[in-house]
Amino acid sequence: MLNGRPVTARVAPTVALLEMVRERFSLTGSKLGCGEGECGACAVLVDGEAVLGCLTPAVDVDGREVRTVEGLRDARGLSALQQAFVHEGAVQCGFCTPGMEVTAASLLAEHPHPSDEQIRRGLEGNLCRCTGYVAIIEAVQTAAGGSR
């Protein structure tokens, strides 16, 4: 399943999950940053857990549920988390945003009302060169229903 719909693809064992979703299914929200699992820009959800798409072989997700940043949307449009990123100004250049949002969605599924420390720890594998992280942490708290 990819963003809620069944899909199939034949891929070589060396094809990364990120490459498959971007090139085979034209889901280009997730980004290739470092290609070494250091920046988090490529994060996608596999069975609800954030994984690094640049390091995960596509063949490893056979029979599993994959959600990209595009799959976070709901029937009305942007999810509450995505709306919070916009509202709190957590998006600047936008390159890290898909990975941040996917990782934050996984965090919120595990901790619906996280502390700032839980958010910091949960997002520590995602790098941002623009925001200084404060607005990102505020966005996740806002999405969790926290007050700022």
Protein backbone atom coordinates (compact mmCIF):
# COMPACT_ATOMS: atom_id res chain seq x y z
CA MET A 1 0.00 0.00 0.00
CA LEU A 2 1.29 3.43 -0.92
CA ASN A 3 -0.58 6.37 0.59
CA GLY A 4 -3.65 4.21 1.03
CA ARG A 5 -3.79 2.60 -2.39
CA PRO A 6 -2.45 -0.74 -3.57
CA VAL A 7 0.54 -0.50 -5.92
CA THR A 8 3.03 -2.88 -7.45
CA ALA A 9 6.47 -2.33 -8.88
CA ARG A 10 9.33 -4.53 -10.00
CA VAL A 11 12.58 -3.15 -8.68
CA ALA A 12 16.14 -4.34 -8.42
CA PRO A 13 17.35 -5.16 -4.91
CA THR A 14 19.61 -2.09 -5.04
CA VAL A 15 16.76 0.41 -5.57
CA ALA A 16 16.08 2.56 -2.52
CA LEU A 17 12.54 3.16 -1.31
CA LEU A 18 13.01 6.90 -1.89
CA GLU A 19 14.00 6.32 -5.51
CA MET A 20 10.99 4.07 -6.07
CA VAL A 21 8.39 6.47 -4.65
CA ARG A 22 9.87 9.45 -6.46
CA GLU A 23 10.61 7.90 -9.85
CA ARG A 24 8.11 5.07 -10.20
CA PHE A 25 5.14 6.75 -8.52
CA SER A 26 5.95 10.47 -9.04
CA LEU A 27 5.66 11.25 -5.32
CA THR A 28 8.38 13.87 -5.16
CA GLY A 29 7.64 15.39 -1.75
CA SER A 30 10.29 13.32 0.02
CA LYS A 31 13.73 14.65 -0.82
CA LEU A 32 17.18 13.18 -1.34
CA GLY A 33 19.42 15.26 0.88
CA CYS A 34 22.61 13.54 1.92
CA GLY A 35 21.96 10.04 0.60
CA GLU A 36 23.65 8.66 3.71
CA GLY A 37 20.88 8.66 6.33
CA GLU A 38 22.17 11.74 8.12
CA CYS A 39 19.65 14.49 7.28
CA GLY A 40 16.15 12.96 7.42
CA ALA A 41 14.84 14.77 4.31
CA CYS A 42 13.96 11.39 2.79
CA ALA A 43 11.86 10.11 5.72
CA VAL A 44 8.72 8.14 4.90
CA LEU A 45 6.42 6.05 7.07
CA VAL A 46 6.53 2.26 6.82
CA ASP A 47 3.77 0.67 8.86
CA GLY A 48 3.54 3.94 10.78
CA GLU A 49 7.22 4.17 11.68
CA ALA A 50 9.49 6.82 10.18
CA VAL A 51 12.32 5.30 8.15
CA LEU A 52 15.01 6.79 5.96
CA GLY A 53 13.93 6.24 2.37
CA CYS A 54 17.45 6.71 1.01
CA LEU A 55 18.73 3.74 3.02
CA THR A 56 15.69 1.45 2.97
CA PRO A 57 15.69 -1.01 0.07
CA ALA A 58 12.38 -0.83 -1.80
CA VAL A 59 12.15 -4.62 -1.72
CA ASP A 60 11.94 -4.44 2.09
CA VAL A 61 8.50 -2.81 1.95
CA ASP A 62 6.83 -5.58 -0.03
CA GLY A 63 3.47 -6.23 1.65
CA ARG A 64 3.79 -3.23 3.97
CA GLU A 65 2.06 0.14 4.20
CA VAL A 66 4.10 3.14 3.03
CA ARG A 67 3.05 6.75 3.51
CA THR A 68 4.91 9.70 2.10
CA VAL A 69 4.37 13.35 2.97
CA GLU A 70 1.69 13.40 0.26
CA GLY A 71 -0.14 10.70 2.20
CA LEU A 72 -0.40 12.87 5.32
CA ARG A 73 -3.13 14.95 3.69
CA ASP A 74 -6.71 14.21 4.60
CA ALA A 75 -9.88 14.48 2.51
CA ARG A 76 -10.10 18.23 3.18
CA GLY A 77 -6.49 19.02 2.29
CA LEU A 78 -3.53 19.55 4.57
CA SER A 79 -3.51 17.55 7.79
CA ALA A 80 -3.62 19.33 11.14
CA LEU A 81 0.14 18.75 11.44
CA GLN A 82 0.81 20.27 8.02
CA GLN A 83 -1.46 23.22 8.81
CA ALA A 84 0.44 23.75 12.07
CA PHE A 85 3.74 23.87 10.16
CA VAL A 86 2.32 26.63 7.98
CA HIS A 87 0.66 28.51 10.86
CA GLU A 88 3.75 28.45 13.09
CA GLY A 89 6.12 29.46 10.28
CA ALA A 90 7.99 26.16 10.50
CA VAL A 91 8.57 26.14 6.75
CA GLN A 92 11.30 28.30 5.28
CA CYS A 93 13.17 26.85 2.30
CA GLY A 94 10.96 23.75 2.64
CA PHE A 95 13.60 21.16 1.81
CA CYS A 96 13.51 19.46 5.22
CA THR A 97 9.77 19.93 5.72
CA PRO A 98 8.54 16.62 4.22
CA GLY A 99 10.92 14.59 6.38
CA MET A 100 10.14 16.70 9.45
CA GLU A 101 6.39 16.29 8.94
CA VAL A 102 6.58 12.54 8.37
CA THR A 103 8.81 12.06 11.40
CA ALA A 104 6.55 14.29 13.50
CA ALA A 105 3.50 12.28 12.39
CA SER A 106 5.19 9.12 13.62
CA LEU A 107 6.11 10.83 16.89
CA LEU A 108 2.54 12.07 17.43
CA ALA A 109 1.14 8.61 16.76
CA GLU A 110 3.35 7.27 19.55
CA HIS A 111 3.10 10.30 21.87
CA PRO A 112 -0.13 12.24 21.16
CA HIS A 113 0.82 15.00 23.63
CA PRO A 114 4.63 15.11 23.60
CA SER A 115 6.77 17.37 25.72
CA ASP A 116 9.22 19.72 24.03
CA GLU A 117 11.99 17.30 25.00
CA GLN A 118 10.15 14.36 23.38
CA ILE A 119 9.74 16.43 20.23
CA ARG A 120 13.43 17.36 20.20
CA ARG A 121 14.43 13.72 20.66
CA GLY A 122 11.89 12.52 18.12
CA LEU A 123 13.14 14.91 15.45
CA GLU A 124 16.85 14.70 16.23
CA GLY A 125 17.59 12.78 13.01
CA ASN A 126 16.09 15.55 10.86
CA LEU A 127 18.32 18.48 9.99
CA CYS A 128 17.11 21.98 9.14
CA ARG A 129 19.42 24.71 7.96
CA CYS A 130 16.89 27.56 8.06
CA THR A 131 14.48 27.66 11.00
CA GLY A 132 16.53 27.06 14.12
CA TYR A 133 13.96 24.40 15.08
CA VAL A 134 11.91 26.59 17.45
CA ALA A 135 9.03 27.02 15.00
CA ILE A 136 9.15 23.31 14.14
CA ILE A 137 8.82 22.32 17.79
CA GLU A 138 5.98 24.84 18.19
CA ALA A 139 4.24 23.39 15.13
CA VAL A 140 4.36 19.87 16.53
CA GLN A 141 3.03 21.11 19.89
CA THR A 142 0.25 23.00 18.11
CA ALA A 143 -0.67 19.90 16.12
CA ALA A 144 -0.78 17.95 19.39
CA GLY A 145 -3.26 20.45 20.78
CA GLY A 146 -0.73 22.13 23.05
CA SER A 147 -0.86 25.78 23.83
CA ARG A 148 1.94 28.15 22.93
